[in-house]
């Protein structure tokens, strides 16, 4: 009869020490490479290794890349208010504003302002504003 400890014995020896060292070397030289790219490089070098094993070792060694947050895109059409705008009606700005009524219907408004005097030149409220409406407001 065999002892119970033989059945539950777990080896303390790391069978993948060379693979672990190679993954750390690649990650050290190429900081922005993730585990998938490292797996491709290992395959090119002739290692017979599964991508799941590379991922496990990559995580155990703490080599995880940080996730970048998406940066908000700034509209390129913004005109900075500079000292060049000195006269009335030299530069205008328009914007669309939308809101919801008590019954759930949407209402939109086209606002047109003068950047020099900060005066509101026109407000056009409507349920839907088309390009023709915008041209009419700008023409009047």
C-alpha atoms as a PDB file:
ATOM      1  CA  UNK A   1       0.000   0.000   0.000  1.00  0.00           C
ATOM      2  CA  UNK A   2       1.262   3.492  -0.910  1.00  0.00           C
ATOM      3  CA  UNK A   3       1.311   6.485   1.343  1.00  0.00           C
ATOM      4  CA  UNK A   4      -1.262   9.237   0.871  1.00  0.00           C
ATOM      5  CA  UNK A   5       1.498  11.858   0.497  1.00  0.00           C
ATOM      6  CA  UNK A   6       2.739  10.209  -2.684  1.00  0.00           C
ATOM      7  CA  UNK A   7      -0.596  10.776  -4.386  1.00  0.00           C
ATOM      8  CA  UNK A   8      -0.648  14.459  -3.485  1.00  0.00           C
ATOM      9  CA  UNK A   9       3.009  15.207  -4.111  1.00  0.00           C
ATOM     10  CA  UNK A  10       3.678  18.332  -6.149  1.00  0.00           C
ATOM     11  CA  UNK A  11       7.100  18.962  -7.583  1.00  0.00           C
ATOM     12  CA  UNK A  12       8.745  22.193  -6.469  1.00  0.00           C
ATOM     13  CA  UNK A  13      11.011  22.233  -9.504  1.00  0.00           C
ATOM     14  CA  UNK A  14      10.087  24.682 -12.244  1.00  0.00           C
ATOM     15  CA  UNK A  15      10.203  22.816 -15.553  1.00  0.00           C
ATOM     16  CA  UNK A  16       9.916  26.031 -17.536  1.00  0.00           C
ATOM     17  CA  UNK A  17      12.753  28.055 -16.041  1.00  0.00           C
ATOM     18  CA  UNK A  18      14.435  28.574 -19.430  1.00  0.00           C
ATOM     19  CA  UNK A  19      11.162  29.590 -21.041  1.00  0.00           C
ATOM     20  CA  UNK A  20      10.431  31.933 -18.123  1.00  0.00           C
ATOM     21  CA  UNK A  21      13.864  33.569 -18.490  1.00  0.00           C
ATOM     22  CA  UNK A  22      13.444  33.954 -22.265  1.00  0.00           C
ATOM     23  CA  UNK A  23      10.005  35.570 -21.878  1.00  0.00           C
ATOM     24  CA  UNK A  24      11.453  38.016 -19.340  1.00  0.00           C
ATOM     25  CA  UNK A  25      14.344  38.840 -21.693  1.00  0.00           C
ATOM     26  CA  UNK A  26      12.011  39.559 -24.619  1.00  0.00           C
ATOM     27  CA  UNK A  27       9.663  41.624 -22.436  1.00  0.00           C
ATOM     28  CA  UNK A  28      12.645  43.528 -21.034  1.00  0.00           C
ATOM     29  CA  UNK A  29      14.024  44.498 -24.438  1.00  0.00           C
ATOM     30  CA  UNK A  30      10.660  45.159 -26.054  1.00  0.00           C
ATOM     31  CA  UNK A  31       8.548  46.924 -23.450  1.00  0.00           C
ATOM     32  CA  UNK A  32       5.410  47.358 -25.546  1.00  0.00           C
ATOM     33  CA  UNK A  33       5.100  43.719 -26.616  1.00  0.00           C
ATOM     34  CA  UNK A  34       2.240  41.752 -25.138  1.00  0.00           C
ATOM     35  CA  UNK A  35       2.067  38.018 -24.604  1.00  0.00           C
ATOM     36  CA  UNK A  36       0.720  37.347 -28.110  1.00  0.00           C
ATOM     37  CA  UNK A  37       3.658  39.071 -29.795  1.00  0.00           C
ATOM     38  CA  UNK A  38       6.103  37.351 -27.454  1.00  0.00           C
ATOM     39  CA  UNK A  39       4.488  34.020 -28.377  1.00  0.00           C
ATOM     40  CA  UNK A  40       5.100  34.754 -32.065  1.00  0.00           C
ATOM     41  CA  UNK A  41       8.760  35.568 -31.383  1.00  0.00           C
ATOM     42  CA  UNK A  42       9.202  32.363 -29.363  1.00  0.00           C
ATOM     43  CA  UNK A  43       7.684  30.312 -32.198  1.00  0.00           C
ATOM     44  CA  UNK A  44      10.131  31.930 -34.642  1.00  0.00           C
ATOM     45  CA  UNK A  45      13.001  30.975 -32.344  1.00  0.00           C
ATOM     46  CA  UNK A  46      11.855  27.349 -32.407  1.00  0.00           C
ATOM     47  CA  UNK A  47      10.151  27.021 -29.020  1.00  0.00           C
ATOM     48  CA  UNK A  48       7.285  24.526 -29.038  1.00  0.00           C
ATOM     49  CA  UNK A  49       5.057  26.430 -26.655  1.00  0.00           C
ATOM     50  CA  UNK A  50       1.345  27.115 -26.448  1.00  0.00           C
ATOM     51  CA  UNK A  51       0.104  30.724 -26.270  1.00  0.00           C
ATOM     52  CA  UNK A  52      -1.858  29.880 -23.102  1.00  0.00           C
ATOM     53  CA  UNK A  53       1.345  28.846 -21.331  1.00  0.00           C
ATOM     54  CA  UNK A  54       3.044  32.042 -22.480  1.00  0.00           C
ATOM     55  CA  UNK A  55       0.086  34.011 -21.127  1.00  0.00           C
ATOM     56  CA  UNK A  56       0.225  32.196 -17.755  1.00  0.00           C
ATOM     57  CA  UNK A  57       3.958  32.806 -17.336  1.00  0.00           C
ATOM     58  CA  UNK A  58       3.557  36.391 -18.552  1.00  0.00           C
ATOM     59  CA  UNK A  59       0.946  37.010 -15.848  1.00  0.00           C
ATOM     60  CA  UNK A  60       2.928  35.230 -13.102  1.00  0.00           C
ATOM     61  CA  UNK A  61       5.961  37.387 -13.802  1.00  0.00           C
ATOM     62  CA  UNK A  62       3.886  40.567 -13.572  1.00  0.00           C
ATOM     63  CA  UNK A  63       4.632  41.670 -17.125  1.00  0.00           C
ATOM     64  CA  UNK A  64       1.121  42.866 -17.901  1.00  0.00           C
ATOM     65  CA  UNK A  65       0.855  45.954 -20.060  1.00  0.00           C
ATOM     66  CA  UNK A  66      -1.244  48.757 -18.700  1.00  0.00           C
ATOM     67  CA  UNK A  67      -4.371  49.517 -20.673  1.00  0.00           C
ATOM     68  CA  UNK A  68      -4.471  52.949 -22.181  1.00  0.00           C
ATOM     69  CA  UNK A  69      -7.647  54.957 -21.862  1.00  0.00           C
ATOM     70  CA  UNK A  70      -9.154  56.360 -24.986  1.00  0.00           C
ATOM     71  CA  UNK A  71      -8.350  60.005 -25.358  1.00  0.00           C
ATOM     72  CA  UNK A  72     -11.166  62.349 -26.161  1.00  0.00           C
ATOM     73  CA  UNK A  73     -10.856  63.797 -29.618  1.00  0.00           C
ATOM     74  CA  UNK A  74     -10.907  67.571 -29.800  1.00  0.00           C
ATOM     75  CA  UNK A  75     -12.758  69.103 -32.683  1.00  0.00           C
ATOM     76  CA  UNK A  76     -10.400  70.653 -35.224  1.00  0.00           C
ATOM     77  CA  UNK A  77     -12.935  73.303 -36.230  1.00  0.00           C
ATOM     78  CA  UNK A  78     -12.590  75.343 -33.033  1.00  0.00           C
ATOM     79  CA  UNK A  79     -11.372  78.885 -33.551  1.00  0.00           C
ATOM     80  CA  UNK A  80      -9.541  80.349 -30.540  1.00  0.00           C
ATOM     81  CA  UNK A  81     -10.702  83.774 -29.471  1.00  0.00           C
ATOM     82  CA  UNK A  82      -7.683  85.922 -30.172  1.00  0.00           C
ATOM     83  CA  UNK A  83      -6.918  89.621 -30.224  1.00  0.00           C
ATOM     84  CA  UNK A  84      -7.472  89.573 -34.012  1.00  0.00           C
ATOM     85  CA  UNK A  85     -11.276  89.702 -33.556  1.00  0.00           C
ATOM     86  CA  UNK A  86     -11.876  93.383 -32.899  1.00  0.00           C
ATOM     87  CA  UNK A  87     -15.039  94.298 -34.801  1.00  0.00           C
ATOM     88  CA  UNK A  88     -18.657  93.225 -34.611  1.00  0.00           C
ATOM     89  CA  UNK A  89     -19.847  90.600 -37.099  1.00  0.00           C
ATOM     90  CA  UNK A  90     -16.249  89.619 -37.877  1.00  0.00           C
ATOM     91  CA  UNK A  91     -16.541  86.090 -36.494  1.00  0.00           C
ATOM     92  CA  UNK A  92     -19.646  84.092 -35.595  1.00  0.00           C
ATOM     93  CA  UNK A  93     -20.137  80.790 -33.862  1.00  0.00           C
ATOM     94  CA  UNK A  94     -23.081  78.419 -34.123  1.00  0.00           C
ATOM     95  CA  UNK A  95     -24.063  75.465 -32.013  1.00  0.00           C
ATOM     96  CA  UNK A  96     -26.853  72.906 -31.819  1.00  0.00           C
ATOM     97  CA  UNK A  97     -28.558  72.415 -28.461  1.00  0.00           C
ATOM     98  CA  UNK A  98     -31.051  69.637 -27.773  1.00  0.00           C
ATOM     99  CA  UNK A  99     -33.397  68.856 -24.909  1.00  0.00           C
ATOM    100  CA  UNK A 100     -36.390  66.695 -24.131  1.00  0.00           C
ATOM    101  CA  UNK A 101     -39.890  67.929 -23.326  1.00  0.00           C
ATOM    102  CA  UNK A 102     -42.075  66.577 -20.510  1.00  0.00           C
ATOM    103  CA  UNK A 103     -43.852  64.194 -22.913  1.00  0.00           C
ATOM    104  CA  UNK A 104     -40.593  62.714 -24.247  1.00  0.00           C
ATOM    105  CA  UNK A 105     -40.390  64.619 -27.531  1.00  0.00           C
ATOM    106  CA  UNK A 106     -36.984  65.996 -28.513  1.00  0.00           C
ATOM    107  CA  UNK A 107     -36.517  69.670 -29.274  1.00  0.00           C
ATOM    108  CA  UNK A 108     -33.452  71.129 -30.924  1.00  0.00           C
ATOM    109  CA  UNK A 109     -32.233  74.705 -31.214  1.00  0.00           C
ATOM    110  CA  UNK A 110     -29.675  76.313 -33.486  1.00  0.00           C
ATOM    111  CA  UNK A 111     -27.901  79.192 -31.732  1.00  0.00           C
ATOM    112  CA  UNK A 112     -25.829  81.785 -33.533  1.00  0.00           C
ATOM    113  CA  UNK A 113     -23.614  84.220 -31.583  1.00  0.00           C
ATOM    114  CA  UNK A 114     -21.151  86.983 -32.377  1.00  0.00           C
ATOM    115  CA  UNK A 115     -17.775  86.178 -30.780  1.00  0.00           C
ATOM    116  CA  UNK A 116     -16.725  89.780 -30.301  1.00  0.00           C
ATOM    117  CA  UNK A 117     -19.797  91.121 -28.500  1.00  0.00           C
ATOM    118  CA  UNK A 118     -21.050  87.738 -27.169  1.00  0.00           C
ATOM    119  CA  UNK A 119     -24.471  88.753 -28.450  1.00  0.00           C
ATOM    120  CA  UNK A 120     -26.944  86.088 -29.527  1.00  0.00           C
ATOM    121  CA  UNK A 121     -27.834  86.842 -33.150  1.00  0.00           C
ATOM    122  CA  UNK A 122     -30.387  84.066 -33.656  1.00  0.00           C
ATOM    123  CA  UNK A 123     -32.015  81.114 -31.948  1.00  0.00           C
ATOM    124  CA  UNK A 124     -33.961  78.744 -34.181  1.00  0.00           C
ATOM    125  CA  UNK A 125     -35.909  76.069 -32.228  1.00  0.00           C
ATOM    126  CA  UNK A 126     -37.427  73.126 -34.118  1.00  0.00           C
ATOM    127  CA  UNK A 127     -38.076  69.405 -33.808  1.00  0.00           C
ATOM    128  CA  UNK A 128     -35.568  68.677 -36.559  1.00  0.00           C
ATOM    129  CA  UNK A 129     -33.119  71.102 -38.121  1.00  0.00           C
ATOM    130  CA  UNK A 130     -32.008  70.390 -41.673  1.00  0.00           C
ATOM    131  CA  UNK A 131     -29.252  71.968 -43.714  1.00  0.00           C
ATOM    132  CA  UNK A 132     -31.821  74.135 -45.503  1.00  0.00           C
ATOM    133  CA  UNK A 133     -32.957  75.553 -42.129  1.00  0.00           C
ATOM    134  CA  UNK A 134     -29.349  76.355 -41.202  1.00  0.00           C
ATOM    135  CA  UNK A 135     -28.826  78.207 -44.497  1.00  0.00           C
ATOM    136  CA  UNK A 136     -32.059  80.174 -43.953  1.00  0.00           C
ATOM    137  CA  UNK A 137     -31.005  81.209 -40.435  1.00  0.00           C
ATOM    138  CA  UNK A 138     -27.561  82.288 -41.635  1.00  0.00           C
ATOM    139  CA  UNK A 139     -29.049  84.212 -44.567  1.00  0.00           C
ATOM    140  CA  UNK A 140     -31.524  86.160 -42.423  1.00  0.00           C
END
